[in-house]
């Protein structure tokens, strides 16, 4: 049961393929608007939460946001409570009745699902497509751009970052606090409250076994492993089907610079995204020896840009396939792009905008895989200067290739599959004994 964002869906496709290749069956439960995407990857699908997310509701929401109407706390709470009500009515039991699952994997982005899933008689484990942000003296919150060091002053700064986070939440983010909703659902479902960690960034975290689709190799060194967490492979899906692309318009004789702001920013902040894309194209126009590819999404129009001959504009692109040919990725630092770029050995130039992008970019800098630029510093001159710097400094490419080798080896080892099979085998052994 993944969340409907691409960053949550994509790594599950890689894991599901591995499981199917080992003789298991993978079946998806998700909102109706994900049906085409999931089935296009070759997986079975059953819709859930149709009352809270009627078919077509995502497209309607995205179009509305692109026109400036924000998806706010009122709309969020209405959907959250609608899902919780469905869970109380037995939504998971209904969806799994004919499937007879041996395990349920549920996204940490929907802790309410994990709570309700405790009512069904199968092992439930969680997965996180982003880094989990749990208080740690050595690792700052992932909304921070702080790059920690092994020094007392760095630990003090990290401590202050966590204090600032919790203070801001208490003073300014009360409307988005879902703690009471989760406590009420937990009481109704018989889920122990002590198995919910409320002192984390974003949503409270269930203390279930949790697969983290973000390898330790890309993370900061932690002072401790969070309870129940397994940092596994990045689950980069090199077999993902992302549609056609006009490869014939790409000049393979030029170094390729790939620019993307992911799937969310172009419709949540279309004006800001358009300005960034225009700045990138201006920088590329001054570098005709390079080939650019920029993906703008469905809510920004290609004809509004002054596009130079050496840049190809596309609504979407098969990202993994583009990265196979790329020399540099220019991005906001979304988790999927960072993992896939590192997996492909492609250096990065990141301009974080919100949420975990600051922490993702800090990790890229920490490991020497690229450079970062603050949004307010972005100009064609600065963007171009850093594009030149990362492309010309071979140390970025060398470190990116070394990281790629580590991540590819980890992907082949597939620790996530081993953990799942181990839990299932313990369940089967317990059934046999009884």
Protein backbone atom coordinates (compact mmCIF):
# COMPACT_ATOMS: atom_id res chain seq x y z
CA UNK A 1 0.00 0.00 0.00
CA UNK A 2 2.13 2.92 -1.24
CA UNK A 3 1.35 6.61 -1.08
CA UNK A 4 0.30 7.94 -4.49
CA UNK A 5 3.34 10.15 -5.16
CA UNK A 6 5.86 8.93 -7.74
CA UNK A 7 8.67 9.04 -5.18
CA UNK A 8 6.79 6.47 -3.09
CA UNK A 9 5.63 4.28 -5.99
CA UNK A 10 8.89 4.04 -7.96
CA UNK A 11 11.07 2.15 -5.44
CA UNK A 12 8.25 -0.30 -4.73
CA UNK A 13 8.25 -1.29 -8.42
CA UNK A 14 11.91 -2.33 -8.16
CA UNK A 15 11.27 -4.33 -4.97
CA UNK A 16 8.11 -5.92 -6.37
CA UNK A 17 9.95 -7.06 -9.51
CA UNK A 18 12.63 -8.73 -7.40
CA UNK A 19 10.00 -10.51 -5.31
CA UNK A 20 8.14 -11.69 -8.40
CA UNK A 21 11.41 -12.96 -9.90
CA UNK A 22 11.82 -15.10 -6.78
CA UNK A 23 8.40 -16.67 -7.14
CA UNK A 24 6.32 -14.37 -4.95
CA UNK A 25 3.18 -12.51 -6.00
CA UNK A 26 2.95 -8.74 -5.63
CA UNK A 27 -0.44 -7.01 -5.54
CA UNK A 28 -0.95 -3.26 -5.11
CA UNK A 29 -3.61 -1.49 -3.06
CA UNK A 30 -3.74 2.24 -3.79
CA UNK A 31 -6.12 5.06 -4.69
CA UNK A 32 -7.99 4.78 -8.03
CA UNK A 33 -5.92 7.42 -9.84
CA UNK A 34 -2.79 5.24 -9.62
CA UNK A 35 -4.35 2.27 -11.41
CA UNK A 36 -2.97 3.03 -14.87
CA UNK A 37 0.53 3.77 -13.55
CA UNK A 38 0.72 0.56 -11.50
CA UNK A 39 -0.80 -1.70 -14.15
CA UNK A 40 1.54 -0.25 -16.79
CA UNK A 41 4.40 -1.69 -14.74
CA UNK A 42 2.83 -5.15 -14.98
CA UNK A 43 1.35 -5.45 -11.48
CA UNK A 44 -2.09 -6.39 -10.20
CA UNK A 45 -4.10 -3.63 -8.57
CA UNK A 46 -7.10 -3.14 -6.27
CA UNK A 47 -8.41 0.38 -5.56
CA UNK A 48 -8.76 1.57 -1.96
CA UNK A 49 -10.00 4.79 -0.36
CA UNK A 50 -12.25 5.49 -3.36
CA UNK A 51 -14.66 7.49 -1.21
CA UNK A 52 -11.90 9.85 -0.03
CA UNK A 53 -10.10 9.89 -3.40
CA UNK A 54 -12.71 9.46 -6.19
CA UNK A 55 -11.28 8.71 -9.62
CA UNK A 56 -10.00 11.91 -11.21
CA UNK A 57 -9.54 13.73 -7.89
CA UNK A 58 -5.75 13.99 -8.18
CA UNK A 59 -5.85 15.57 -11.64
CA UNK A 60 -8.47 18.00 -10.39
CA UNK A 61 -6.36 18.89 -7.35
CA UNK A 62 -3.17 19.35 -9.39
CA UNK A 63 -4.89 21.54 -11.96
CA UNK A 64 -6.35 23.65 -9.17
CA UNK A 65 -2.97 24.05 -7.48
CA UNK A 66 -1.31 24.96 -10.76
CA UNK A 67 -3.85 27.80 -11.05
CA UNK A 68 -2.89 29.10 -7.60
CA UNK A 69 -5.49 27.50 -5.32
CA UNK A 70 -3.50 25.86 -2.55
CA UNK A 71 -4.30 22.41 -1.19
CA UNK A 72 -4.59 23.42 2.45
CA UNK A 73 -5.11 21.99 5.89
CA UNK A 74 -8.91 21.85 5.52
CA UNK A 75 -8.71 19.67 2.41
CA UNK A 76 -5.97 17.54 3.95
CA UNK A 77 -7.88 16.89 7.16
CA UNK A 78 -11.04 16.03 5.24
CA UNK A 79 -9.17 13.35 3.29
CA UNK A 80 -7.24 12.06 6.30
CA UNK A 81 -10.39 11.64 8.39
CA UNK A 82 -12.18 10.13 5.41
CA UNK A 83 -9.44 7.50 5.12
CA UNK A 84 -9.47 6.84 8.87
CA UNK A 85 -13.23 6.32 8.78
CA UNK A 86 -12.86 3.85 5.92
CA UNK A 87 -10.16 2.02 7.85
CA UNK A 88 -12.46 1.75 10.86
CA UNK A 89 -15.10 0.30 8.53
CA UNK A 90 -12.70 -2.43 7.37
CA UNK A 91 -11.19 -1.04 4.14
CA UNK A 92 -8.05 -3.18 4.36
CA UNK A 93 -10.00 -6.31 5.25
CA UNK A 94 -12.27 -5.74 2.26
CA UNK A 95 -9.40 -5.17 -0.15
CA UNK A 96 -7.40 -8.21 0.99
CA UNK A 97 -10.27 -10.66 1.53
CA UNK A 98 -9.71 -12.58 -1.71
CA UNK A 99 -5.94 -12.05 -1.87
CA UNK A 100 -4.96 -14.06 1.24
CA UNK A 101 -1.71 -12.11 1.67
CA UNK A 102 1.30 -13.42 3.58
CA UNK A 103 2.51 -9.89 4.29
CA UNK A 104 1.39 -6.29 3.94
CA UNK A 105 3.90 -3.53 3.12
CA UNK A 106 2.59 -0.09 3.90
CA UNK A 107 4.09 3.35 3.32
CA UNK A 108 5.42 5.27 6.30
CA UNK A 109 3.80 8.28 4.60
CA UNK A 110 0.45 6.84 5.73
CA UNK A 111 0.92 5.75 9.37
CA UNK A 112 -2.86 5.55 9.70
CA UNK A 113 -2.80 2.56 7.36
CA UNK A 114 -0.17 0.77 9.42
CA UNK A 115 -2.25 1.29 12.55
CA UNK A 116 -5.42 -0.17 11.00
CA UNK A 117 -3.49 -3.01 9.36
CA UNK A 118 -2.71 -4.37 12.82
CA UNK A 119 -6.26 -5.79 12.78
CA UNK A 120 -5.47 -8.29 10.00
CA UNK A 121 -3.68 -11.52 10.81
CA UNK A 122 -0.55 -11.07 8.67
CA UNK A 123 2.84 -9.46 9.32
CA UNK A 124 2.83 -5.73 8.58
CA UNK A 125 6.03 -3.89 7.74
CA UNK A 126 6.52 -0.29 6.77
CA UNK A 127 8.65 1.24 4.05
CA UNK A 128 9.98 4.76 3.57
CA UNK A 129 10.91 6.22 0.20
CA UNK A 130 12.61 9.18 1.91
CA UNK A 131 15.14 9.22 4.70
CA UNK A 132 13.46 8.89 8.06
CA UNK A 133 14.20 11.94 10.16
CA UNK A 134 14.50 10.75 13.75
CA UNK A 135 16.17 12.87 16.44
CA UNK A 136 19.88 12.07 16.49
CA UNK A 137 22.80 13.98 18.01
CA UNK A 138 24.87 13.40 14.85
CA UNK A 139 22.24 13.93 12.13
CA UNK A 140 20.18 17.12 11.69
CA UNK A 141 16.53 17.12 10.57
CA UNK A 142 16.22 16.59 6.84
CA UNK A 143 14.70 20.04 6.33
CA UNK A 144 18.09 21.46 7.36
CA UNK A 145 20.93 22.24 4.95
CA UNK A 146 23.46 21.60 7.71
CA UNK A 147 26.30 19.24 6.82
CA UNK A 148 27.42 17.69 10.13
CA UNK A 149 31.00 17.01 11.12
CA UNK A 150 32.57 14.91 13.85
CA UNK A 151 33.15 17.84 16.19
CA UNK A 152 31.53 19.26 19.30
CA UNK A 153 30.45 22.49 17.58
CA UNK A 154 28.75 20.50 14.82
CA UNK A 155 26.83 18.42 17.37
CA UNK A 156 25.73 21.61 19.12
CA UNK A 157 24.42 22.99 15.81
CA UNK A 158 22.62 19.72 15.14
CA UNK A 159 21.03 19.83 18.61
CA UNK A 160 19.86 23.40 17.92
CA UNK A 161 18.35 22.33 14.57
CA UNK A 162 16.22 19.71 16.31
CA UNK A 163 15.12 22.16 19.01
CA UNK A 164 14.15 24.70 16.32
CA UNK A 165 12.14 22.04 14.48
CA UNK A 166 10.09 20.99 17.51
CA UNK A 167 9.59 24.62 18.62
CA UNK A 168 8.36 25.62 15.16
CA UNK A 169 5.99 22.66 15.13
CA UNK A 170 4.55 23.59 18.51
CA UNK A 171 4.11 27.26 17.64
CA UNK A 172 3.20 27.31 13.95
CA UNK A 173 2.25 23.84 12.66
CA UNK A 174 -0.53 22.82 15.01
CA UNK A 175 -3.09 22.66 12.21
CA UNK A 176 -1.04 19.97 10.42
CA UNK A 177 -0.45 17.89 13.58
CA UNK A 178 -2.17 14.52 13.08
CA UNK A 179 -1.16 13.07 16.46
CA UNK A 180 -4.64 13.16 17.99
CA UNK A 181 -6.21 11.59 14.89
CA UNK A 182 -3.67 8.75 15.04
CA UNK A 183 -4.18 8.24 18.77
CA UNK A 184 -7.95 7.98 18.29
CA UNK A 185 -7.53 5.49 15.43
CA UNK A 186 -4.99 3.49 17.45
CA UNK A 187 -7.42 3.20 20.37
CA UNK A 188 -10.19 2.05 18.03
CA UNK A 189 -7.92 -0.53 16.35
CA UNK A 190 -6.21 -1.77 19.51
CA UNK A 191 -2.81 -0.51 18.38
CA UNK A 192 -0.49 0.27 21.34
CA UNK A 193 0.28 3.99 21.62
CA UNK A 194 3.78 3.21 22.88
CA UNK A 195 4.49 1.81 19.42
CA UNK A 196 4.13 5.28 17.87
CA UNK A 197 7.09 7.68 17.94
CA UNK A 198 5.77 11.24 17.88
CA UNK A 199 9.18 12.98 18.11
CA UNK A 200 10.11 12.72 14.46
CA UNK A 201 10.03 15.06 11.48
CA UNK A 202 6.81 15.01 9.41
CA UNK A 203 4.31 12.32 10.48
CA UNK A 204 4.62 10.20 13.63
CA UNK A 205 6.51 6.98 12.96
CA UNK A 206 5.17 3.51 13.75
CA UNK A 207 7.68 1.25 15.47
CA UNK A 208 7.17 -1.54 12.97
CA UNK A 209 9.98 -3.18 10.99
CA UNK A 210 10.67 -0.46 8.41
CA UNK A 211 12.52 -0.75 5.11
CA UNK A 212 14.31 2.51 4.26
CA UNK A 213 14.81 2.87 0.49
CA UNK A 214 17.84 5.11 1.09
CA UNK A 215 21.15 3.29 1.55
CA UNK A 216 23.49 4.05 4.44
CA UNK A 217 26.15 4.71 1.82
CA UNK A 218 24.29 7.93 0.84
CA UNK A 219 23.40 8.99 4.38
CA UNK A 220 25.29 10.84 7.10
CA UNK A 221 26.87 8.60 9.78
CA UNK A 222 24.28 8.20 12.52
CA UNK A 223 24.93 7.83 16.24
CA UNK A 224 22.34 5.05 16.36
CA UNK A 225 20.03 3.11 14.07
CA UNK A 226 16.40 4.12 14.70
CA UNK A 227 14.32 1.37 16.27
CA UNK A 228 12.99 -1.08 13.69
CA UNK A 229 14.76 0.61 10.76
CA UNK A 230 16.55 -1.36 8.04
CA UNK A 231 18.53 0.80 5.62
CA UNK A 232 18.36 -1.31 2.47
CA UNK A 233 19.04 -0.78 -1.22
CA UNK A 234 17.80 2.35 -2.97
CA UNK A 235 15.44 0.18 -5.05
CA UNK A 236 16.29 1.94 -8.31
CA UNK A 237 14.01 0.44 -10.93
CA UNK A 238 16.05 0.26 -14.13
CA UNK A 239 13.18 -1.67 -15.78
CA UNK A 240 10.58 1.00 -15.02
CA UNK A 241 8.38 1.84 -18.02
CA UNK A 242 8.19 5.62 -18.37
CA UNK A 243 6.90 6.06 -21.92
CA UNK A 244 8.41 7.11 -25.23
CA UNK A 245 11.02 9.81 -25.74
CA UNK A 246 12.42 11.54 -28.88
CA UNK A 247 15.94 10.21 -28.62
CA UNK A 248 16.58 11.16 -32.25
CA UNK A 249 16.62 14.82 -31.18
CA UNK A 250 19.52 14.27 -28.77
CA UNK A 251 23.07 15.02 -29.96
CA UNK A 252 25.08 12.16 -28.46
CA UNK A 253 28.33 13.93 -29.35
CA UNK A 254 27.74 16.57 -26.66
CA UNK A 255 27.83 16.13 -22.85
CA UNK A 256 24.19 15.86 -21.72
CA UNK A 257 22.91 18.03 -18.87
CA UNK A 258 19.55 16.85 -17.53
CA UNK A 259 17.35 19.36 -15.68
CA UNK A 260 14.26 18.37 -13.70
CA UNK A 261 12.20 19.65 -10.77
CA UNK A 262 10.43 16.33 -10.26
CA UNK A 263 6.72 15.67 -10.42
CA UNK A 264 5.41 18.01 -7.68
CA UNK A 265 7.12 21.40 -7.90
CA UNK A 266 5.96 22.27 -11.47
CA UNK A 267 2.30 22.23 -10.44
CA UNK A 268 2.66 23.35 -6.81
CA UNK A 269 4.86 26.35 -7.70
CA UNK A 270 4.49 26.80 -11.49
CA UNK A 271 5.75 30.40 -11.58
CA UNK A 272 8.86 29.52 -9.59
CA UNK A 273 9.44 26.41 -11.71
CA UNK A 274 9.07 28.39 -14.95
CA UNK A 275 11.59 30.95 -13.78
CA UNK A 276 14.08 28.21 -12.90
CA UNK A 277 13.66 26.46 -16.25
CA UNK A 278 14.11 29.77 -18.10
CA UNK A 279 17.29 30.46 -16.14
CA UNK A 280 18.63 26.99 -16.96
CA UNK A 281 17.94 27.49 -20.67
CA UNK A 282 19.64 30.88 -20.61
CA UNK A 283 22.73 29.29 -19.07
CA UNK A 284 22.65 26.50 -21.66
CA UNK A 285 22.28 28.98 -24.54
CA UNK A 286 25.68 30.31 -23.54
CA UNK A 287 27.12 26.77 -23.72
CA UNK A 288 26.34 25.44 -27.21
CA UNK A 289 28.89 22.65 -26.72
CA UNK A 290 26.46 21.03 -24.24
CA UNK A 291 23.17 19.18 -24.86
CA UNK A 292 20.32 19.94 -22.47
CA UNK A 293 17.14 18.03 -21.62
CA UNK A 294 14.59 19.72 -19.36
CA UNK A 295 11.35 18.15 -18.14
CA UNK A 296 8.65 20.68 -17.26
CA UNK A 297 5.60 18.54 -16.37
CA UNK A 298 2.03 19.06 -17.56
CA UNK A 299 1.29 22.41 -15.94
CA UNK A 300 4.02 24.58 -17.46
CA UNK A 301 3.82 25.30 -21.21
CA UNK A 302 6.81 24.72 -23.48
CA UNK A 303 5.96 27.66 -25.78
CA UNK A 304 6.43 30.19 -22.98
CA UNK A 305 10.21 29.62 -22.96
CA UNK A 306 12.96 31.06 -25.13
CA UNK A 307 14.46 27.63 -25.76
CA UNK A 308 17.94 27.46 -27.36
CA UNK A 309 18.70 24.90 -30.11
CA UNK A 310 20.83 22.76 -27.79
CA UNK A 311 18.00 22.16 -25.28
CA UNK A 312 15.12 19.71 -25.64
CA UNK A 313 11.96 20.48 -23.65
CA UNK A 314 9.71 17.56 -22.70
CA UNK A 315 6.76 17.24 -20.36
CA UNK A 316 8.24 14.01 -19.01
CA UNK A 317 11.23 11.80 -19.69
CA UNK A 318 12.28 8.24 -18.82
CA UNK A 319 14.58 9.49 -16.10
CA UNK A 320 16.72 6.39 -15.62
CA UNK A 321 17.31 6.12 -19.37
CA UNK A 322 18.24 9.82 -19.61
CA UNK A 323 20.63 9.48 -16.67
CA UNK A 324 22.39 6.60 -18.42
CA UNK A 325 23.51 9.17 -21.02
CA UNK A 326 23.89 12.21 -18.76
CA UNK A 327 27.08 13.92 -17.58
CA UNK A 328 25.26 16.09 -15.01
CA UNK A 329 21.84 16.37 -13.39
CA UNK A 330 20.52 19.81 -12.37
CA UNK A 331 17.68 19.35 -9.90
CA UNK A 332 15.88 20.44 -6.74
CA UNK A 333 17.24 17.48 -4.79
CA UNK A 334 14.17 15.24 -4.66
CA UNK A 335 14.90 11.84 -3.19
CA UNK A 336 14.19 9.85 -6.37
CA UNK A 337 16.44 11.98 -8.54
CA UNK A 338 19.28 11.93 -6.01
CA UNK A 339 19.18 8.15 -5.65
CA UNK A 340 18.87 7.47 -9.36
CA UNK A 341 21.61 9.95 -10.27
CA UNK A 342 23.96 8.44 -7.68
CA UNK A 343 23.07 4.94 -8.88
CA UNK A 344 23.96 5.91 -12.45
CA UNK A 345 27.19 7.62 -11.37
CA UNK A 346 26.03 11.08 -12.52
CA UNK A 347 27.27 14.17 -10.61
CA UNK A 348 24.63 16.63 -9.42
CA UNK A 349 24.00 20.35 -9.13
CA UNK A 350 21.15 20.81 -6.66
CA UNK A 351 18.97 23.81 -5.81
CA UNK A 352 16.77 22.68 -2.89
CA UNK A 353 13.39 24.33 -2.52
CA UNK A 354 11.52 22.63 0.34
CA UNK A 355 11.06 19.67 2.69
CA UNK A 356 13.77 16.97 2.57
CA UNK A 357 15.54 18.49 -0.44
CA UNK A 358 17.84 20.50 1.85
CA UNK A 359 18.99 17.39 3.68
CA UNK A 360 19.32 15.40 0.46
CA UNK A 361 21.50 18.13 -1.06
CA UNK A 362 23.61 18.31 2.10
CA UNK A 363 24.31 14.58 1.79
CA UNK A 364 25.30 14.94 -1.86
CA UNK A 365 27.79 17.66 -0.88
CA UNK A 366 29.03 15.61 2.10
CA UNK A 367 29.88 12.66 -0.17
CA UNK A 368 31.40 14.89 -2.86
CA UNK A 369 28.84 13.87 -5.49
CA UNK A 370 28.01 17.38 -6.58
CA UNK A 371 27.44 21.02 -5.69
CA UNK A 372 24.46 22.99 -4.41
CA UNK A 373 23.15 26.49 -4.88
CA UNK A 374 20.65 28.39 -2.76
CA UNK A 375 17.43 29.29 -4.58
CA UNK A 376 17.90 33.02 -3.95
CA UNK A 377 21.36 32.83 -5.55
CA UNK A 378 20.13 31.27 -8.80
CA UNK A 379 20.98 33.23 -11.93
CA UNK A 380 22.07 32.19 -15.39
CA UNK A 381 25.60 33.27 -14.50
CA UNK A 382 25.78 31.30 -11.20
CA UNK A 383 24.00 28.26 -12.60
CA UNK A 384 26.30 28.24 -15.60
CA UNK A 385 29.39 28.72 -13.46
CA UNK A 386 28.53 25.69 -11.33
CA UNK A 387 27.57 23.60 -14.37
CA UNK A 388 31.06 24.30 -15.74
CA UNK A 389 32.69 23.61 -12.38
CA UNK A 390 31.07 20.21 -11.83
CA UNK A 391 31.63 19.11 -15.44
CA UNK A 392 35.29 20.18 -15.49
CA UNK A 393 36.29 18.95 -12.02
CA UNK A 394 36.82 15.22 -12.57
CA UNK A 395 36.73 14.51 -8.82
CA UNK A 396 32.93 14.77 -8.86
CA UNK A 397 32.67 12.19 -11.62
CA UNK A 398 35.19 9.87 -9.92
CA UNK A 399 33.30 9.93 -6.61
CA UNK A 400 29.97 9.50 -8.42
CA UNK A 401 31.29 6.39 -10.20
CA UNK A 402 32.57 4.94 -6.91
CA UNK A 403 29.18 5.58 -5.27
CA UNK A 404 27.45 3.98 -8.26
CA UNK A 405 29.50 0.83 -7.81
CA UNK A 406 28.53 0.61 -4.12
CA UNK A 407 24.84 1.16 -4.86
CA UNK A 408 24.78 -1.34 -7.73
CA UNK A 409 26.39 -4.00 -5.55
CA UNK A 410 23.82 -3.31 -2.83
CA UNK A 411 21.01 -3.55 -5.38
CA UNK A 412 22.29 -6.98 -6.46
CA UNK A 413 22.50 -8.16 -2.86
CA UNK A 414 18.87 -7.06 -2.30
CA UNK A 415 18.78 -6.90 1.52
CA UNK A 416 15.14 -5.76 1.33
CA UNK A 417 14.08 -9.04 -0.26
CA UNK A 418 16.04 -11.01 2.34
CA UNK A 419 14.31 -9.18 5.21
CA UNK A 420 10.85 -9.79 3.72
CA UNK A 421 11.51 -13.48 3.09
CA UNK A 422 12.92 -13.89 6.59
CA UNK A 423 9.77 -12.40 8.17
CA UNK A 424 7.51 -14.56 5.99
CA UNK A 425 9.48 -17.71 6.83
CA UNK A 426 9.16 -16.98 10.55
CA UNK A 427 5.42 -16.57 10.09
CA UNK A 428 5.17 -19.90 8.24
CA UNK A 429 7.27 -21.65 10.87
CA UNK A 430 5.04 -20.26 13.62
CA UNK A 431 1.89 -21.50 11.79
CA UNK A 432 3.41 -24.98 11.42
CA UNK A 433 4.29 -25.17 15.12
CA UNK A 434 0.71 -24.27 16.02
